[in-house]
C-alpha atoms as a PDB file:
ATOM      1  CA  MET A   1     -80.188  33.633 -25.621  1.00  0.00           C
ATOM      2  CA  ASP A   2     -78.926  32.048 -28.568  1.00  0.00           C
ATOM      3  CA  ILE A   3     -77.196  33.626 -31.147  1.00  0.00           C
ATOM      4  CA  ASN A   4     -80.741  33.849 -33.426  1.00  0.00           C
ATOM      5  CA  SER A   5     -82.595  34.865 -30.673  1.00  0.00           C
ATOM      6  CA  ILE A   6     -80.583  37.909 -30.542  1.00  0.00           C
ATOM      7  CA  MET A   7     -80.118  38.554 -34.218  1.00  0.00           C
ATOM      8  CA  ALA A   8     -83.845  38.236 -34.404  1.00  0.00           C
ATOM      9  CA  SER A   9     -83.612  41.581 -32.203  1.00  0.00           C
ATOM     10  CA  GLN A  10     -81.293  43.346 -33.433  1.00  0.00           C
ATOM     11  CA  LEU A  11     -83.151  43.533 -36.497  1.00  0.00           C
ATOM     12  CA  ARG A  12     -86.346  44.368 -35.555  1.00  0.00           C
ATOM     13  CA  SER A  13     -84.529  47.506 -33.561  1.00  0.00           C
ATOM     14  CA  LEU A  14     -83.001  48.371 -36.870  1.00  0.00           C
ATOM     15  CA  GLN A  15     -86.361  47.547 -38.885  1.00  0.00           C
ATOM     16  CA  SER A  16     -88.192  50.186 -36.772  1.00  0.00           C
ATOM     17  CA  THR A  17     -85.784  52.807 -35.987  1.00  0.00           C
ATOM     18  CA  VAL A  18     -85.799  52.934 -39.906  1.00  0.00           C
ATOM     19  CA  GLN A  19     -88.676  53.070 -39.655  1.00  0.00           C
ATOM     20  CA  ILE A  20     -89.476  56.254 -37.731  1.00  0.00           C
ATOM     21  CA  SER A  21     -86.242  57.461 -39.276  1.00  0.00           C
ATOM     22  CA  MET A  22     -88.620  57.428 -42.459  1.00  0.00           C
ATOM     23  CA  LEU A  23     -91.422  58.508 -41.546  1.00  0.00           C
ATOM     24  CA  ASN A  24     -89.275  61.487 -39.766  1.00  0.00           C
ATOM     25  CA  LYS A  25     -88.720  62.863 -43.355  1.00  0.00           C
ATOM     26  CA  SER A  26     -91.535  62.242 -45.153  1.00  0.00           C
ATOM     27  CA  LEU A  27     -93.739  64.640 -42.519  1.00  0.00           C
ATOM     28  CA  SER A  28     -90.362  66.982 -43.270  1.00  0.00           C
ATOM     29  CA  ARG A  29     -90.704  66.902 -46.801  1.00  0.00           C
ATOM     30  CA  GLY A  30     -94.847  67.510 -46.201  1.00  0.00           C
ATOM     31  CA  THR A  31     -94.514  69.905 -43.787  1.00  0.00           C
ATOM     32  CA  SER A  32     -92.248  72.032 -46.203  1.00  0.00           C
ATOM     33  CA  ALA A  33     -93.980  71.510 -49.196  1.00  0.00           C
ATOM     34  CA  ALA A  34     -97.428  73.245 -47.256  1.00  0.00           C
ATOM     35  CA  ILE A  35     -94.914  75.560 -46.245  1.00  0.00           C
ATOM     36  CA  GLU A  36     -94.015  76.809 -49.380  1.00  0.00           C
ATOM     37  CA  MET A  37     -97.379  76.523 -50.974  1.00  0.00           C
ATOM     38  CA  LEU A  38     -98.660  78.582 -48.198  1.00  0.00           C
ATOM     39  CA  ASN A  39     -95.771  81.309 -48.880  1.00  0.00           C
ATOM     40  CA  SER A  40     -96.778  81.587 -52.820  1.00  0.00           C
ATOM     41  CA  LEU A  41    -100.293  82.090 -52.632  1.00  0.00           C
ATOM     42  CA  PRO A  42    -101.378  86.149 -53.369  1.00  0.00           C
ATOM     43  CA  GLU A  43    -101.963  88.074 -50.529  1.00  0.00           C
ATOM     44  CA  GLN A  44    -105.754  88.324 -49.377  1.00  0.00           C
ATOM     45  CA  PRO A  45    -106.769  91.898 -49.209  1.00  0.00           C
ATOM     46  CA  THR A  46    -108.691  92.615 -45.727  1.00  0.00           C
ATOM     47  CA  VAL A  47    -112.310  93.817 -46.383  1.00  0.00           C
ATOM     48  CA  ALA A  48    -114.388  94.827 -43.851  1.00  0.00           C
ATOM     49  CA  HIS A  49    -116.989  93.831 -42.016  1.00  0.00           C
ATOM     50  CA  PRO A  50    -119.904  93.476 -43.533  1.00  0.00           C
ATOM     51  CA  HIS A  51    -121.913  94.973 -40.174  1.00  0.00           C
ATOM     52  CA  LYS A  52    -119.756  95.912 -37.388  1.00  0.00           C
ATOM     53  CA  GLY A  53    -119.532  99.703 -37.114  1.00  0.00           C
ATOM     54  CA  ILE A  54    -122.148 100.056 -39.944  1.00  0.00           C
ATOM     55  CA  SER A  55    -125.221 100.278 -38.279  1.00  0.00           C
ATOM     56  CA  VAL A  56    -126.936  99.310 -34.541  1.00  0.00           C
ATOM     57  CA  ASP A  57    -130.347  97.717 -34.429  1.00  0.00           C
ATOM     58  CA  VAL A  58    -131.881  98.700 -31.023  1.00  0.00           C
ATOM     59  CA  LYS A  59    -134.583  96.870 -30.772  1.00  0.00           C
ATOM     60  CA  ALA A  60    -137.552  98.244 -27.639  1.00  0.00           C
END
């Protein structure tokens, strides 16, 4: 193997590692932003089910 092919192989490996690292950081930032957004939402009041437990419709 000549030096050029060794260097090219190492460069491809380094580029792949950098791309994966950048992707992981981007995903982490996106996840953090989504969690922060969900935590900032106001509490939703619990609403009773519109039909459950009110009446029973029995047709014979």
